[in-house]
Amino acid sequence: MDGLLLIDKPAGWTSHDVVAKLRGILKIRQIGHAGTLDPFATGLLVLGIGKGTKRLTSLVGVDKEYEATIRLGATSDTFDVEGIIVPAPLPTSPPEGEEVERALDQFRGGYEQLAPLHSAKKIGGKKLYELARAGEATEEMRPKKHVNIYALNIKHYAWPDLMINVKCSSGTYIRSLADDIGHALGVGGYCLELRRTKVGDFDVQDAIHMEGLTKEHALGSLKTQ
């Protein structure tokens, strides 16, 4: 019972929820995961089972790929659909496709990204989201990090929803990218939907679903090499 297990995480589950469920199914405590996914997000979560947890270290810092839908014309304090949504003043006319492309050009290649206030980054020993919930967080507390954006393509655009594909370096916050794109367009934006499709060389197409998952199916899906 040692190896890696690829899970297609459903929306509404935390990464810890998935680990806890697998511990119950497999009757083993030694389970970990690589790369947390927000509860509202879906997609690829790589789990280490048994001695496979040691292989998770090789996934630290690998590139990721995502599909995201950005809802333009509003902002969110968490930069996603689970936050407090505030409509922005409506533009005279929605941004055209060419204007959206020019806005995306500002982020292609990479940029200095600020982490969301509602994130697990620690300031003075406390997580930022804890400070934010207590009303003690400020914009100046948001840590800055250079992130690489290897690919940023429009999948579909029909106001107010902009669907994008993103290939990026580890540690990139797609929620922050959504907020930044909204600001670049001058209309606001937040992450309505988010799906992780790749972690390094692992693809969500090879992942199994949690619904109806059995011990036999999980063990039969373990990647031992």
C-alpha atoms as a PDB file:
ATOM      1  CA  MET A   1       0.000   0.000   0.000  1.00  0.00           C
ATOM      2  CA  ASP A   2       2.763   2.414  -1.042  1.00  0.00           C
ATOM      3  CA  GLY A   3       2.649   4.877  -3.927  1.00  0.00           C
ATOM      4  CA  LEU A   4       1.021   7.975  -5.338  1.00  0.00           C
ATOM      5  CA  LEU A   5      -2.705   8.350  -5.902  1.00  0.00           C
ATOM      6  CA  LEU A   6      -4.188  10.930  -8.271  1.00  0.00           C
ATOM      7  CA  ILE A   7      -7.534  12.305  -7.099  1.00  0.00           C
ATOM      8  CA  ASP A   8      -9.920  14.588  -8.992  1.00  0.00           C
ATOM      9  CA  LYS A   9     -11.006  16.699  -6.025  1.00  0.00           C
ATOM     10  CA  PRO A  10     -14.656  17.770  -6.069  1.00  0.00           C
ATOM     11  CA  ALA A  11     -15.793  21.290  -5.220  1.00  0.00           C
ATOM     12  CA  GLY A  12     -16.665  21.854  -1.571  1.00  0.00           C
ATOM     13  CA  TRP A  13     -13.974  19.504  -0.250  1.00  0.00           C
ATOM     14  CA  THR A  14     -10.808  20.725   1.434  1.00  0.00           C
ATOM     15  CA  SER A  15      -7.584  18.923   0.641  1.00  0.00           C
ATOM     16  CA  HIS A  16      -7.636  17.665   4.231  1.00  0.00           C
ATOM     17  CA  ASP A  17     -11.150  16.292   3.689  1.00  0.00           C
ATOM     18  CA  VAL A  18      -9.786  14.132   0.860  1.00  0.00           C
ATOM     19  CA  VAL A  19      -6.913  12.867   3.011  1.00  0.00           C
ATOM     20  CA  ALA A  20      -9.280  12.073   5.886  1.00  0.00           C
ATOM     21  CA  LYS A  21     -11.646  10.184   3.568  1.00  0.00           C
ATOM     22  CA  LEU A  22      -8.802   8.110   2.109  1.00  0.00           C
ATOM     23  CA  ARG A  23      -7.512   7.306   5.589  1.00  0.00           C
ATOM     24  CA  GLY A  24     -10.926   5.904   6.375  1.00  0.00           C
ATOM     25  CA  ILE A  25     -11.142   3.918   3.138  1.00  0.00           C
ATOM     26  CA  LEU A  26      -7.611   2.498   3.226  1.00  0.00           C
ATOM     27  CA  LYS A  27      -7.339   2.190   7.027  1.00  0.00           C
ATOM     28  CA  ILE A  28      -3.894   3.790   7.001  1.00  0.00           C
ATOM     29  CA  ARG A  29      -2.726   7.017   8.668  1.00  0.00           C
ATOM     30  CA  GLN A  30       0.341   7.658   6.529  1.00  0.00           C
ATOM     31  CA  ILE A  31      -1.245   9.762   3.782  1.00  0.00           C
ATOM     32  CA  GLY A  32      -0.193  13.221   2.645  1.00  0.00           C
ATOM     33  CA  HIS A  33      -0.802  15.490  -0.337  1.00  0.00           C
ATOM     34  CA  ALA A  34       1.188  17.773  -2.609  1.00  0.00           C
ATOM     35  CA  GLY A  35      -0.181  21.243  -3.296  1.00  0.00           C
ATOM     36  CA  THR A  36      -3.312  22.358  -1.473  1.00  0.00           C
ATOM     37  CA  LEU A  37      -6.429  23.186  -3.483  1.00  0.00           C
ATOM     38  CA  ASP A  38      -8.960  25.733  -2.224  1.00  0.00           C
ATOM     39  CA  PRO A  39     -12.329  24.222  -1.239  1.00  0.00           C
ATOM     40  CA  PHE A  40     -14.176  25.844  -4.176  1.00  0.00           C
ATOM     41  CA  ALA A  41     -11.590  24.501  -6.646  1.00  0.00           C
ATOM     42  CA  THR A  42     -11.678  21.136  -8.380  1.00  0.00           C
ATOM     43  CA  GLY A  43      -9.066  19.032 -10.076  1.00  0.00           C
ATOM     44  CA  LEU A  44      -5.814  17.240  -9.544  1.00  0.00           C
ATOM     45  CA  LEU A  45      -4.677  16.479  -6.015  1.00  0.00           C
ATOM     46  CA  VAL A  46      -1.659  14.184  -5.696  1.00  0.00           C
ATOM     47  CA  LEU A  47      -1.675  11.996  -2.595  1.00  0.00           C
ATOM     48  CA  GLY A  48       1.211  10.013  -1.158  1.00  0.00           C
ATOM     49  CA  ILE A  49       0.156   6.695   0.397  1.00  0.00           C
ATOM     50  CA  GLY A  50       2.400   4.871   2.894  1.00  0.00           C
ATOM     51  CA  LYS A  51       6.025   5.129   1.812  1.00  0.00           C
ATOM     52  CA  GLY A  52       4.752   7.076  -1.176  1.00  0.00           C
ATOM     53  CA  THR A  53       4.614  10.155   1.060  1.00  0.00           C
ATOM     54  CA  LYS A  54       8.408  10.381   0.633  1.00  0.00           C
ATOM     55  CA  ARG A  55       7.889  10.900  -3.098  1.00  0.00           C
ATOM     56  CA  LEU A  56       5.836  14.041  -2.456  1.00  0.00           C
ATOM     57  CA  THR A  57       9.030  16.024  -1.825  1.00  0.00           C
ATOM     58  CA  SER A  58       9.906  15.587  -5.507  1.00  0.00           C
ATOM     59  CA  LEU A  59       6.725  17.499  -6.382  1.00  0.00           C
ATOM     60  CA  VAL A  60       7.630  20.566  -4.331  1.00  0.00           C
ATOM     61  CA  GLY A  61       8.168  23.461  -6.718  1.00  0.00           C
ATOM     62  CA  VAL A  62       6.926  21.772  -9.904  1.00  0.00           C
ATOM     63  CA  ASP A  63       4.899  23.741 -12.437  1.00  0.00           C
ATOM     64  CA  LYS A  64       1.098  23.623 -12.419  1.00  0.00           C
ATOM     65  CA  GLU A  65      -1.647  24.064 -15.005  1.00  0.00           C
ATOM     66  CA  TYR A  66      -5.157  25.400 -14.422  1.00  0.00           C
ATOM     67  CA  GLU A  67      -8.413  26.235 -16.111  1.00  0.00           C
ATOM     68  CA  ALA A  68     -10.170  29.204 -14.544  1.00  0.00           C
ATOM     69  CA  THR A  69     -13.276  31.281 -15.093  1.00  0.00           C
ATOM     70  CA  ILE A  70     -12.977  34.922 -14.081  1.00  0.00           C
ATOM     71  CA  ARG A  71     -16.201  36.816 -13.406  1.00  0.00           C
ATOM     72  CA  LEU A  72     -15.570  40.381 -14.520  1.00  0.00           C
ATOM     73  CA  GLY A  73     -17.489  43.430 -13.342  1.00  0.00           C
ATOM     74  CA  ALA A  74     -17.221  42.686  -9.616  1.00  0.00           C
ATOM     75  CA  THR A  75     -14.641  42.109  -6.889  1.00  0.00           C
ATOM     76  CA  SER A  76     -14.359  39.678  -3.981  1.00  0.00           C
ATOM     77  CA  ASP A  77     -12.499  40.169  -0.703  1.00  0.00           C
ATOM     78  CA  THR A  78     -11.146  36.609  -1.031  1.00  0.00           C
ATOM     79  CA  PHE A  79     -10.642  37.001  -4.815  1.00  0.00           C
ATOM     80  CA  ASP A  80     -12.980  34.034  -5.359  1.00  0.00           C
ATOM     81  CA  VAL A  81     -16.650  33.091  -5.388  1.00  0.00           C
ATOM     82  CA  GLU A  82     -16.681  32.317  -1.654  1.00  0.00           C
ATOM     83  CA  GLY A  83     -15.946  35.879  -0.580  1.00  0.00           C
ATOM     84  CA  ILE A  84     -18.027  39.038  -0.238  1.00  0.00           C
ATOM     85  CA  ILE A  85     -18.906  40.037  -3.804  1.00  0.00           C
ATOM     86  CA  VAL A  86     -19.108  43.754  -4.591  1.00  0.00           C
ATOM     87  CA  PRO A  87     -20.329  44.809  -8.057  1.00  0.00           C
ATOM     88  CA  ALA A  88     -18.095  47.327  -9.780  1.00  0.00           C
ATOM     89  CA  PRO A  89     -19.449  50.358 -11.687  1.00  0.00           C
ATOM     90  CA  LEU A  90     -20.531  49.083 -15.084  1.00  0.00           C
ATOM     91  CA  PRO A  91     -18.327  50.213 -17.968  1.00  0.00           C
ATOM     92  CA  THR A  92     -19.837  52.130 -20.878  1.00  0.00           C
ATOM     93  CA  SER A  93     -19.218  48.987 -22.883  1.00  0.00           C
ATOM     94  CA  PRO A  94     -17.627  45.676 -21.876  1.00  0.00           C
ATOM     95  CA  PRO A  95     -13.966  45.169 -22.832  1.00  0.00           C
ATOM     96  CA  GLU A  96     -13.516  43.758 -26.317  1.00  0.00           C
ATOM     97  CA  GLY A  97     -11.444  40.658 -26.950  1.00  0.00           C
ATOM     98  CA  GLU A  98      -8.440  42.678 -28.124  1.00  0.00           C
ATOM     99  CA  GLU A  99      -8.493  44.732 -24.931  1.00  0.00           C
ATOM    100  CA  VAL A 100      -8.577  41.543 -22.865  1.00  0.00           C
ATOM    101  CA  GLU A 101      -5.587  40.184 -24.789  1.00  0.00           C
ATOM    102  CA  ARG A 102      -3.629  43.376 -24.093  1.00  0.00           C
ATOM    103  CA  ALA A 103      -4.455  43.076 -20.399  1.00  0.00           C
ATOM    104  CA  LEU A 104      -3.264  39.461 -20.325  1.00  0.00           C
ATOM    105  CA  ASP A 105       0.006  40.522 -21.971  1.00  0.00           C
ATOM    106  CA  GLN A 106       0.887  42.317 -18.719  1.00  0.00           C
ATOM    107  CA  PHE A 107       1.096  38.953 -16.961  1.00  0.00           C
ATOM    108  CA  ARG A 108       2.438  36.658 -19.654  1.00  0.00           C
ATOM    109  CA  GLY A 109       5.993  35.621 -18.882  1.00  0.00           C
ATOM    110  CA  GLY A 110       5.630  36.472 -15.208  1.00  0.00           C
ATOM    111  CA  TYR A 111       5.171  39.299 -12.732  1.00  0.00           C
ATOM    112  CA  GLU A 112       5.501  40.314  -9.081  1.00  0.00           C
ATOM    113  CA  GLN A 113       2.372  38.839  -7.512  1.00  0.00           C
ATOM    114  CA  LEU A 114       0.854  39.704  -4.142  1.00  0.00           C
ATOM    115  CA  ALA A 115      -0.652  36.808  -2.205  1.00  0.00           C
ATOM    116  CA  PRO A 116      -4.345  37.184  -1.257  1.00  0.00           C
ATOM    117  CA  LEU A 117      -5.114  38.470   2.226  1.00  0.00           C
ATOM    118  CA  HIS A 118      -7.263  35.367   2.601  1.00  0.00           C
ATOM    119  CA  SER A 119      -4.371  32.907   2.285  1.00  0.00           C
ATOM    120  CA  ALA A 120      -2.346  30.650   4.554  1.00  0.00           C
ATOM    121  CA  LYS A 121       0.756  32.849   4.336  1.00  0.00           C
ATOM    122  CA  LYS A 122       2.006  33.639   7.838  1.00  0.00           C
ATOM    123  CA  ILE A 123       2.677  37.087   9.261  1.00  0.00           C
ATOM    124  CA  GLY A 124       4.087  37.187  12.786  1.00  0.00           C
ATOM    125  CA  GLY A 125       3.188  33.551  13.331  1.00  0.00           C
ATOM    126  CA  LYS A 126      -0.451  34.014  12.322  1.00  0.00           C
ATOM    127  CA  LYS A 127      -2.035  32.986   9.043  1.00  0.00           C
ATOM    128  CA  LEU A 128      -3.145  35.896   6.894  1.00  0.00           C
ATOM    129  CA  TYR A 129      -6.703  34.605   6.583  1.00  0.00           C
ATOM    130  CA  GLU A 130      -6.954  34.535  10.386  1.00  0.00           C
ATOM    131  CA  LEU A 131      -5.863  38.175  10.545  1.00  0.00           C
ATOM    132  CA  ALA A 132      -8.238  39.045   7.697  1.00  0.00           C
ATOM    133  CA  ARG A 133     -11.202  37.425   9.436  1.00  0.00           C
ATOM    134  CA  ALA A 134     -10.347  39.354  12.594  1.00  0.00           C
ATOM    135  CA  GLY A 135     -10.213  42.594  10.614  1.00  0.00           C
ATOM    136  CA  GLU A 136      -6.517  43.027  11.421  1.00  0.00           C
ATOM    137  CA  ALA A 137      -5.046  42.446   7.954  1.00  0.00           C
ATOM    138  CA  THR A 138      -3.903  45.274   5.671  1.00  0.00           C
ATOM    139  CA  GLU A 139      -2.855  45.409   2.034  1.00  0.00           C
ATOM    140  CA  GLU A 140       0.721  46.096   3.147  1.00  0.00           C
ATOM    141  CA  MET A 141       0.827  42.634   4.758  1.00  0.00           C
ATOM    142  CA  ARG A 142       0.380  40.805   1.452  1.00  0.00           C
ATOM    143  CA  PRO A 143       3.665  38.975   0.650  1.00  0.00           C
ATOM    144  CA  LYS A 144       5.090  39.603  -2.814  1.00  0.00           C
ATOM    145  CA  LYS A 145       6.670  36.918  -4.967  1.00  0.00           C
ATOM    146  CA  HIS A 146       7.789  36.727  -8.579  1.00  0.00           C
ATOM    147  CA  VAL A 147       5.742  34.091 -10.382  1.00  0.00           C
ATOM    148  CA  ASN A 148       6.332  32.690 -13.843  1.00  0.00           C
ATOM    149  CA  ILE A 149       3.374  32.578 -16.239  1.00  0.00           C
ATOM    150  CA  TYR A 150       4.506  30.286 -19.055  1.00  0.00           C
ATOM    151  CA  ALA A 151       1.168  30.310 -20.869  1.00  0.00           C
ATOM    152  CA  LEU A 152      -1.969  32.413 -20.430  1.00  0.00           C
ATOM    153  CA  ASN A 153      -4.602  31.833 -23.084  1.00  0.00           C
ATOM    154  CA  ILE A 154      -8.230  32.756 -23.528  1.00  0.00           C
ATOM    155  CA  LYS A 155     -10.392  29.647 -23.755  1.00  0.00           C
ATOM    156  CA  HIS A 156     -13.674  31.545 -24.087  1.00  0.00           C
ATOM    157  CA  TYR A 157     -14.840  35.091 -23.464  1.00  0.00           C
ATOM    158  CA  ALA A 158     -18.415  36.309 -23.228  1.00  0.00           C
ATOM    159  CA  TRP A 159     -18.948  39.202 -20.837  1.00  0.00           C
ATOM    160  CA  PRO A 160     -18.865  38.970 -17.861  1.00  0.00           C
ATOM    161  CA  ASP A 161     -17.076  35.589 -17.888  1.00  0.00           C
ATOM    162  CA  LEU A 162     -13.521  35.091 -19.084  1.00  0.00           C
ATOM    163  CA  MET A 163     -12.294  31.490 -19.246  1.00  0.00           C
ATOM    164  CA  ILE A 164      -8.507  31.065 -19.316  1.00  0.00           C
ATOM    165  CA  ASN A 165      -5.862  28.353 -19.382  1.00  0.00           C
ATOM    166  CA  VAL A 166      -2.794  29.026 -17.244  1.00  0.00           C
ATOM    167  CA  LYS A 167       0.558  27.256 -17.021  1.00  0.00           C
ATOM    168  CA  CYS A 168       2.565  28.702 -14.154  1.00  0.00           C
ATOM    169  CA  SER A 169       5.259  28.193 -11.571  1.00  0.00           C
ATOM    170  CA  SER A 170       4.554  26.688  -8.176  1.00  0.00           C
ATOM    171  CA  GLY A 171       3.194  29.168  -5.650  1.00  0.00           C
ATOM    172  CA  THR A 172       1.151  31.164  -8.163  1.00  0.00           C
ATOM    173  CA  TYR A 173      -2.230  32.242  -6.824  1.00  0.00           C
ATOM    174  CA  ILE A 174      -4.790  32.041  -9.617  1.00  0.00           C
ATOM    175  CA  ARG A 175      -7.174  33.995  -7.362  1.00  0.00           C
ATOM    176  CA  SER A 176      -4.688  36.874  -7.281  1.00  0.00           C
ATOM    177  CA  LEU A 177      -4.227  36.605 -11.044  1.00  0.00           C
ATOM    178  CA  ALA A 178      -8.002  36.893 -11.508  1.00  0.00           C
ATOM    179  CA  ASP A 179      -8.114  39.987  -9.304  1.00  0.00           C
ATOM    180  CA  ASP A 180      -5.113  41.489 -11.091  1.00  0.00           C
ATOM    181  CA  ILE A 181      -6.648  40.900 -14.535  1.00  0.00           C
ATOM    182  CA  GLY A 182      -9.842  42.572 -13.358  1.00  0.00           C
ATOM    183  CA  HIS A 183      -7.855  45.600 -12.186  1.00  0.00           C
ATOM    184  CA  ALA A 184      -5.876  45.695 -15.442  1.00  0.00           C
ATOM    185  CA  LEU A 185      -9.164  45.888 -17.344  1.00  0.00           C
ATOM    186  CA  GLY A 186     -10.532  48.508 -14.963  1.00  0.00           C
ATOM    187  CA  VAL A 187     -13.705  46.509 -14.301  1.00  0.00           C
ATOM    188  CA  GLY A 188     -12.780  44.264 -11.369  1.00  0.00           C
ATOM    189  CA  GLY A 189     -12.752  40.493 -11.392  1.00  0.00           C
ATOM    190  CA  TYR A 190     -12.707  37.413  -9.199  1.00  0.00           C
ATOM    191  CA  CYS A 191     -12.214  33.687  -9.655  1.00  0.00           C
ATOM    192  CA  LEU A 192     -15.617  32.104 -10.230  1.00  0.00           C
ATOM    193  CA  GLU A 193     -14.366  28.591 -11.023  1.00  0.00           C
ATOM    194  CA  LEU A 194     -10.940  26.986 -10.773  1.00  0.00           C
ATOM    195  CA  ARG A 195      -9.732  23.581 -11.908  1.00  0.00           C
ATOM    196  CA  ARG A 196      -6.168  22.253 -11.637  1.00  0.00           C
ATOM    197  CA  THR A 197      -5.375  20.087 -14.615  1.00  0.00           C
ATOM    198  CA  LYS A 198      -1.672  19.285 -14.140  1.00  0.00           C
ATOM    199  CA  VAL A 199       0.924  18.982 -11.383  1.00  0.00           C
ATOM    200  CA  GLY A 200       4.322  18.485 -12.991  1.00  0.00           C
ATOM    201  CA  ASP A 201       3.920  15.518 -15.343  1.00  0.00           C
ATOM    202  CA  PHE A 202       0.719  14.286 -13.671  1.00  0.00           C
ATOM    203  CA  ASP A 203      -2.566  14.957 -15.478  1.00  0.00           C
ATOM    204  CA  VAL A 204      -6.085  15.139 -14.048  1.00  0.00           C
ATOM    205  CA  GLN A 205      -7.233  12.878 -16.904  1.00  0.00           C
ATOM    206  CA  ASP A 206      -5.494  10.033 -15.053  1.00  0.00           C
ATOM    207  CA  ALA A 207      -7.116  10.869 -11.703  1.00  0.00           C
ATOM    208  CA  ILE A 208      -9.924   8.971  -9.989  1.00  0.00           C
ATOM    209  CA  HIS A 209     -13.072  10.441  -8.433  1.00  0.00           C
ATOM    210  CA  MET A 210     -14.036  10.397  -4.760  1.00  0.00           C
ATOM    211  CA  GLU A 211     -17.674   9.464  -5.351  1.00  0.00           C
ATOM    212  CA  GLY A 212     -18.168   5.782  -4.647  1.00  0.00           C
ATOM    213  CA  LEU A 213     -14.435   5.220  -4.210  1.00  0.00           C
ATOM    214  CA  THR A 214     -13.559   1.799  -2.794  1.00  0.00           C
ATOM    215  CA  LYS A 215     -10.380   0.420  -1.269  1.00  0.00           C
ATOM    216  CA  GLU A 216      -9.944  -1.946  -4.214  1.00  0.00           C
ATOM    217  CA  HIS A 217     -10.275   0.876  -6.756  1.00  0.00           C
ATOM    218  CA  ALA A 218      -7.861   3.110  -4.839  1.00  0.00           C
ATOM    219  CA  LEU A 219      -5.236   0.387  -4.461  1.00  0.00           C
ATOM    220  CA  GLY A 220      -5.628  -0.571  -8.102  1.00  0.00           C
ATOM    221  CA  SER A 221      -4.951   3.047  -9.091  1.00  0.00           C
ATOM    222  CA  LEU A 222      -1.759   3.479  -7.040  1.00  0.00           C
ATOM    223  CA  LYS A 223       1.271   4.651  -9.018  1.00  0.00           C
ATOM    224  CA  THR A 224       4.170   2.689  -7.542  1.00  0.00           C
ATOM    225  CA  GLN A 225       6.822   3.739 -10.046  1.00  0.00           C
END
